[in-house]
Protein backbone atom coordinates (compact mmCIF):
# COMPACT_ATOMS: atom_id res chain seq x y z
CA UNK A 1 104.41 116.16 -53.44
CA UNK A 2 103.50 113.71 -56.21
CA UNK A 3 103.99 116.08 -59.15
CA UNK A 4 102.67 113.56 -61.69
CA UNK A 5 99.42 113.22 -59.71
CA UNK A 6 99.08 117.00 -59.52
CA UNK A 7 99.72 117.31 -63.26
CA UNK A 8 97.13 114.67 -64.10
CA UNK A 9 94.53 116.16 -61.78
CA UNK A 10 94.53 119.98 -62.08
CA UNK A 11 92.00 120.34 -59.25
CA UNK A 12 94.41 118.72 -56.79
CA UNK A 13 97.21 120.99 -57.99
CA UNK A 14 95.08 124.13 -57.62
CA UNK A 15 93.91 123.06 -54.15
CA UNK A 16 97.44 122.44 -52.97
CA UNK A 17 98.67 125.77 -54.30
CA UNK A 18 95.72 127.58 -52.73
CA UNK A 19 96.43 125.93 -49.38
CA UNK A 20 100.09 126.89 -49.71
CA UNK A 21 99.19 130.59 -49.90
CA UNK A 22 97.74 130.40 -46.38
CA UNK A 23 100.99 129.18 -44.85
CA UNK A 24 104.48 130.52 -44.31
CA UNK A 25 105.82 127.91 -46.70
CA UNK A 26 107.59 128.73 -49.98
CA UNK A 27 108.27 126.24 -52.77
CA UNK A 28 110.92 126.60 -55.47
CA UNK A 29 111.31 124.21 -58.43
CA UNK A 30 114.65 124.16 -60.31
CA UNK A 31 116.10 122.06 -63.10
CA UNK A 32 119.38 120.18 -62.91
CA UNK A 33 121.30 123.37 -63.76
CA UNK A 34 119.45 124.98 -60.80
CA UNK A 35 117.57 127.46 -62.98
CA UNK A 36 114.22 128.46 -61.48
CA UNK A 37 111.33 126.95 -63.47
CA UNK A 38 108.50 127.97 -61.12
CA UNK A 39 107.87 129.04 -57.56
CA UNK A 40 104.96 129.55 -55.19
CA UNK A 41 104.38 131.69 -52.12
CA UNK A 42 107.77 133.40 -52.24
CA UNK A 43 108.72 136.08 -49.68
CA UNK A 44 107.85 139.63 -50.84
CA UNK A 45 111.49 140.37 -51.69
CA UNK A 46 111.39 137.97 -54.64
CA UNK A 47 108.93 137.73 -57.49
CA UNK A 48 108.70 134.68 -59.73
CA UNK A 49 108.69 136.99 -62.75
CA UNK A 50 112.00 138.45 -61.56
CA UNK A 51 113.79 135.20 -60.74
CA UNK A 52 112.42 132.85 -63.41
CA UNK A 53 115.34 131.29 -65.28
CA UNK A 54 117.85 132.49 -62.68
CA UNK A 55 120.03 130.47 -60.31
CA UNK A 56 120.44 131.07 -56.58
CA UNK A 57 123.62 133.06 -57.16
CA UNK A 58 121.67 135.53 -59.30
CA UNK A 59 119.24 136.71 -56.57
CA UNK A 60 120.50 135.52 -53.17
CA UNK A 61 123.37 136.79 -50.98
CA UNK A 62 126.60 135.06 -52.01
CA UNK A 63 127.21 133.17 -48.76
CA UNK A 64 123.69 131.73 -48.61
CA UNK A 65 123.60 131.00 -52.32
CA UNK A 66 126.80 129.01 -51.95
CA UNK A 67 125.36 126.89 -49.11
CA UNK A 68 122.09 126.24 -50.92
CA UNK A 69 123.76 125.45 -54.23
CA UNK A 70 126.11 122.95 -52.57
CA UNK A 71 123.19 121.18 -50.88
CA UNK A 72 121.15 121.08 -54.09
CA UNK A 73 124.02 119.67 -56.12
CA UNK A 74 124.42 116.96 -53.48
CA UNK A 75 120.72 116.09 -53.83
CA UNK A 76 121.09 115.89 -57.62
CA UNK A 77 124.11 113.60 -57.23
CA UNK A 78 122.69 111.30 -54.54
CA UNK A 79 118.89 111.69 -54.82
CA UNK A 80 118.84 111.91 -51.04
CA UNK A 81 117.07 114.88 -49.37
CA UNK A 82 119.01 117.59 -47.54
CA UNK A 83 117.96 120.20 -44.96
CA UNK A 84 119.55 123.31 -43.51
CA UNK A 85 118.80 126.66 -41.89
CA UNK A 86 119.50 129.92 -43.70
CA UNK A 87 118.99 133.59 -42.88
CA UNK A 88 118.57 136.62 -45.09
CA UNK A 89 119.04 140.23 -43.94
CA UNK A 90 116.26 142.78 -44.41
CA UNK A 91 115.20 146.14 -43.00
CA UNK A 92 113.53 144.61 -39.94
CA UNK A 93 116.48 142.31 -39.21
CA UNK A 94 117.35 138.84 -40.45
CA UNK A 95 114.63 136.43 -41.53
CA UNK A 96 115.29 132.75 -40.87
CA UNK A 97 114.10 129.74 -42.86
CA UNK A 98 114.30 126.00 -42.45
CA UNK A 99 114.94 124.62 -45.93
CA UNK A 100 114.28 121.11 -47.22
CA UNK A 101 115.66 120.07 -50.61
CA UNK A 102 114.24 116.99 -52.37
CA UNK A 103 114.90 115.31 -55.67
CA UNK A 104 112.14 115.21 -58.30
CA UNK A 105 112.64 111.98 -60.20
CA UNK A 106 111.44 111.01 -63.65
CA UNK A 107 109.61 107.76 -64.34
CA UNK A 108 112.94 105.97 -64.84
CA UNK A 109 114.24 107.15 -61.43
CA UNK A 110 116.65 109.78 -62.72
CA UNK A 111 116.80 113.12 -60.90
CA UNK A 112 115.31 115.68 -63.27
CA UNK A 113 114.92 118.62 -60.89
CA UNK A 114 115.08 119.72 -57.24
CA UNK A 115 112.23 120.96 -55.09
CA UNK A 116 113.13 123.41 -52.33
CA UNK A 117 110.64 123.93 -49.52
CA UNK A 118 111.33 126.81 -47.13
CA UNK A 119 109.45 127.48 -43.88
CA UNK A 120 109.76 130.90 -42.23
CA UNK A 121 110.98 130.34 -38.63
CA UNK A 122 111.89 133.96 -37.89
CA UNK A 123 109.53 134.32 -34.93
CA UNK A 124 110.77 131.06 -33.44
CA UNK A 125 114.37 132.27 -33.80
CA UNK A 126 113.52 135.59 -32.18
CA UNK A 127 111.87 133.81 -29.26
CA UNK A 128 114.94 131.60 -28.88
CA UNK A 129 117.24 134.62 -28.92
CA UNK A 130 115.04 136.43 -26.38
CA UNK A 131 115.07 133.37 -24.12
CA UNK A 132 118.85 133.08 -24.38
CA UNK A 133 119.22 136.77 -23.51
CA UNK A 134 116.91 136.35 -20.52
CA UNK A 135 118.82 133.29 -19.31
CA UNK A 136 122.12 135.17 -19.61
CA UNK A 137 120.60 138.08 -17.68
CA UNK A 138 119.29 135.75 -14.96
CA UNK A 139 122.71 134.09 -14.68
CA UNK A 140 124.41 137.49 -14.46
CA UNK A 141 122.02 138.78 -11.81
CA UNK A 142 122.25 135.53 -9.85
CA UNK A 143 126.03 135.88 -9.71
CA UNK A 144 125.67 139.48 -8.53
CA UNK A 145 123.17 138.40 -5.87
CA UNK A 146 125.46 135.64 -4.65
CA UNK A 147 128.34 138.12 -4.46
CA UNK A 148 126.19 140.45 -2.35
CA UNK A 149 125.21 137.58 -0.04
CA UNK A 150 128.85 136.53 0.29
CA UNK A 151 129.84 140.08 1.23
CA UNK A 152 127.00 140.34 3.76
CA UNK A 153 127.98 137.01 5.31
CA UNK A 154 131.65 137.99 5.60
CA UNK A 155 130.95 141.40 7.10
CA UNK A 156 128.26 140.08 9.45
CA UNK A 157 130.62 137.38 10.70
CA UNK A 158 133.38 139.93 11.25
CA UNK A 159 131.17 142.02 13.51
CA UNK A 160 129.34 139.21 15.36
CA UNK A 161 130.54 137.91 18.73
CA UNK A 162 128.41 134.74 18.78
CA UNK A 163 126.86 132.29 16.37
CA UNK A 164 123.36 133.26 17.53
CA UNK A 165 124.15 136.91 16.98
CA UNK A 166 125.50 136.17 13.52
CA UNK A 167 122.47 134.11 12.53
CA UNK A 168 120.00 136.74 13.76
CA UNK A 169 121.70 139.57 11.89
CA UNK A 170 122.44 137.54 8.78
CA UNK A 171 118.85 136.30 8.60
CA UNK A 172 117.53 139.85 8.84
CA UNK A 173 119.84 141.05 6.07
CA UNK A 174 118.89 138.17 3.80
CA UNK A 175 115.20 138.93 4.37
CA UNK A 176 115.90 142.56 3.52
CA UNK A 177 117.62 141.48 0.33
CA UNK A 178 114.70 139.19 -0.53
CA UNK A 179 112.23 142.05 0.01
CA UNK A 180 114.13 144.30 -2.38
CA UNK A 181 114.51 141.43 -4.85
CA UNK A 182 110.74 140.92 -4.83
CA UNK A 183 110.27 144.53 -5.95
CA UNK A 184 112.86 144.11 -8.69
CA UNK A 185 111.31 140.85 -9.90
CA UNK A 186 107.77 142.24 -9.91
CA UNK A 187 108.96 145.04 -12.21
CA UNK A 188 110.35 142.51 -14.73
CA UNK A 189 113.88 143.28 -13.54
CA UNK A 190 113.53 146.97 -14.24
CA UNK A 191 114.14 147.97 -10.61
CA UNK A 192 112.10 149.70 -7.89
CA UNK A 193 110.94 153.19 -6.96
CA UNK A 194 112.77 154.68 -3.99
CA UNK A 195 109.70 155.53 -1.90
CA UNK A 196 108.26 152.00 -2.24
CA UNK A 197 111.67 150.53 -1.40
CA UNK A 198 112.03 152.65 1.77
CA UNK A 199 108.47 151.97 2.97
CA UNK A 200 108.91 148.26 2.29
CA UNK A 201 112.07 148.05 4.40
CA UNK A 202 110.67 150.16 7.26
CA UNK A 203 107.37 148.28 7.06
CA UNK A 204 109.17 145.07 8.06
CA UNK A 205 109.73 146.61 11.51
CA UNK A 206 106.95 149.18 11.85
CA UNK A 207 103.19 148.67 11.67
CA UNK A 208 102.78 152.25 10.46
CA UNK A 209 105.43 152.83 7.77
CA UNK A 210 103.50 155.68 6.09
CA UNK A 211 103.51 157.58 9.41
CA UNK A 212 106.99 156.47 10.45
CA UNK A 213 108.61 157.79 7.24
CA UNK A 214 108.28 161.37 6.04
CA UNK A 215 109.38 161.24 2.45
CA UNK A 216 110.47 164.43 0.66
CA UNK A 217 111.71 165.36 -2.80
CA UNK A 218 112.16 163.15 -5.84
CA UNK A 219 110.95 159.58 -6.12
CA UNK A 220 113.43 158.12 -8.64
CA UNK A 221 113.24 154.66 -10.17
CA UNK A 222 116.32 152.71 -9.11
CA UNK A 223 117.94 150.12 -11.33
CA UNK A 224 118.17 146.57 -9.92
CA UNK A 225 121.68 146.93 -8.49
CA UNK A 226 120.84 150.24 -6.82
CA UNK A 227 117.56 148.87 -5.48
CA UNK A 228 119.26 145.91 -3.79
CA UNK A 229 122.05 147.94 -2.18
CA UNK A 230 119.96 150.95 -1.16
CA UNK A 231 117.43 148.47 0.22
CA UNK A 232 120.23 147.03 2.37
CA UNK A 233 121.10 150.54 3.60
CA UNK A 234 117.47 151.23 4.46
CA UNK A 235 117.32 147.94 6.34
CA UNK A 236 120.34 148.79 8.47
CA UNK A 237 118.94 152.25 9.24
CA UNK A 238 115.50 150.85 10.07
CA UNK A 239 116.92 148.16 12.39
CA UNK A 240 119.02 150.76 14.21
CA UNK A 241 116.04 153.12 14.43
CA UNK A 242 113.62 150.60 15.97
CA UNK A 243 116.36 149.62 18.46
CA UNK A 244 117.81 152.98 19.47
CA UNK A 245 116.27 155.73 17.36
CA UNK A 246 113.10 157.50 16.41
CA UNK A 247 111.15 154.39 15.50
CA UNK A 248 111.63 153.00 19.01
CA UNK A 249 109.18 155.70 20.19
CA UNK A 250 105.42 155.45 19.47
CA UNK A 251 105.34 158.94 17.95
CA UNK A 252 108.79 158.82 16.37
CA UNK A 253 109.50 159.28 12.68
CA UNK A 254 112.40 159.47 10.26
CA UNK A 255 112.81 161.87 7.36
CA UNK A 256 113.98 160.53 4.01
CA UNK A 257 114.75 163.10 1.32
CA UNK A 258 115.94 162.67 -2.25
CA UNK A 259 117.12 165.55 -4.45
CA UNK A 260 119.10 165.91 -7.64
CA UNK A 261 122.40 167.71 -7.31
CA UNK A 262 122.40 171.09 -9.01
CA UNK A 263 124.50 172.03 -12.07
CA UNK A 264 127.35 172.42 -12.86
CA UNK A 265 127.68 169.08 -11.06
CA UNK A 266 126.30 165.91 -12.60
CA UNK A 267 122.66 165.32 -11.79
CA UNK A 268 123.40 162.68 -9.19
CA UNK A 269 120.90 161.73 -6.53
CA UNK A 270 121.52 163.00 -3.00
CA UNK A 271 119.68 160.70 -0.58
CA UNK A 272 119.45 161.46 3.15
CA UNK A 273 117.99 159.69 6.18
CA UNK A 274 117.63 161.86 9.30
CA UNK A 275 116.22 161.10 12.75
CA UNK A 276 116.46 161.88 16.42
CA UNK A 277 118.00 159.02 18.38
CA UNK A 278 118.37 158.20 22.05
CA UNK A 279 121.63 158.18 23.93
CA UNK A 280 121.96 154.41 23.32
CA UNK A 281 122.28 155.12 19.64
CA UNK A 282 125.56 156.98 20.10
CA UNK A 283 127.56 153.82 20.76
CA UNK A 284 130.35 152.42 18.61
CA UNK A 285 129.75 151.61 14.97
CA UNK A 286 129.39 147.97 13.94
CA UNK A 287 128.55 146.22 10.68
CA UNK A 288 125.56 148.47 10.03
CA UNK A 289 127.87 151.44 9.67
CA UNK A 290 130.31 149.44 7.53
CA UNK A 291 127.46 148.60 5.13
CA UNK A 292 126.25 152.19 5.10
CA UNK A 293 129.63 153.90 4.70
CA UNK A 294 131.56 151.36 2.65
CA UNK A 295 129.65 148.42 1.16
CA UNK A 296 126.64 150.30 -0.26
CA UNK A 297 128.44 153.35 -1.74
CA UNK A 298 131.22 151.18 -3.19
CA UNK A 299 128.65 148.98 -4.91
CA UNK A 300 127.06 152.07 -6.48
CA UNK A 301 130.32 153.93 -7.26
CA UNK A 302 128.97 156.63 -4.97
CA UNK A 303 129.93 158.20 -1.65
CA UNK A 304 128.34 158.18 1.79
CA UNK A 305 128.69 159.69 5.25
CA UNK A 306 127.15 158.61 8.55
CA UNK A 307 127.08 161.19 11.31
CA UNK A 308 125.90 160.15 14.80
CA UNK A 309 126.19 162.94 17.37
CA UNK A 310 124.11 164.99 19.78
CA UNK A 311 121.30 162.44 19.73
CA UNK A 312 120.95 162.94 15.95
CA UNK A 313 121.64 160.48 13.12
CA UNK A 314 122.19 161.74 9.59
CA UNK A 315 123.05 159.40 6.72
CA UNK A 316 123.87 160.90 3.33
CA UNK A 317 124.33 158.81 0.18
CA UNK A 318 125.25 160.20 -3.22
CA UNK A 319 123.98 157.95 -5.99
CA UNK A 320 125.59 158.54 -9.42
CA UNK A 321 123.70 158.94 -12.67
CA UNK A 322 123.06 155.63 -14.35
CA UNK A 323 121.75 154.03 -11.15
CA UNK A 324 118.36 155.71 -11.38
CA UNK A 325 115.94 157.58 -13.59
CA UNK A 326 113.39 160.27 -12.82
CA UNK A 327 109.96 159.43 -14.19
């Protein structure tokens, strides 16, 4: 600002100060000893009547006062402007400012004072911090997803006799994972409700999922990790059912039940899948059973059993607290 012009034309000075009040910009004018001579549009924490005649060390936190004082003394010594970012704690959290420090020179070119202009960038900082947190979360979840895919690939390969068999099974499991991931993503990474997850997985193989699945009990909201792994379990059960079990019959159905365990135990989630299967379904266990009995429960820190006998399949999964919430 041309202070001499503002002094010689009061209307310009008043207009500039009026415009300043409509911005998030604060201006502080200090002499060579860094005593406050005047200020405009200060944050609510400071009043010009309270800080007039004071230095930064008298009303600012020590660490920030030291940084600002050093920069201002450099401006006085060199007449070159300086800029920096500072933050001040308050009840709502830190407030951030970008600060510019300029020399106010007299007619003979000597530095007679410093002008500090501070712009509140708190919202910008908060957006940056939110974005960084989201990027860290995406990176973390991406690593988890890749680890799941790697496990699925290894286990599928171990239980596949041919390349074609591997590709068919691996493709189906990846599609199952993608279906569960879509539910998680659509909820802003919160997770997925169990009933929607089960119907989504069964619906990939049945044209009538609402008739094919009889859902009983609680409908908990699963966190992202639980949604992905339980979705994989539901996929394996659905594939087996449409091949050998109840869903291979036009009038067949499966029963899925979810109940909280009773005290004095922890309120874990007991999840069961039950169905009548044909004699073909009583063959040896392959990767599907490995995923159901080992991969899925281990990923949830839970336990599971798979019982196939007397033309009946019963899968029981105990999901610990922390992997779900009851709405």
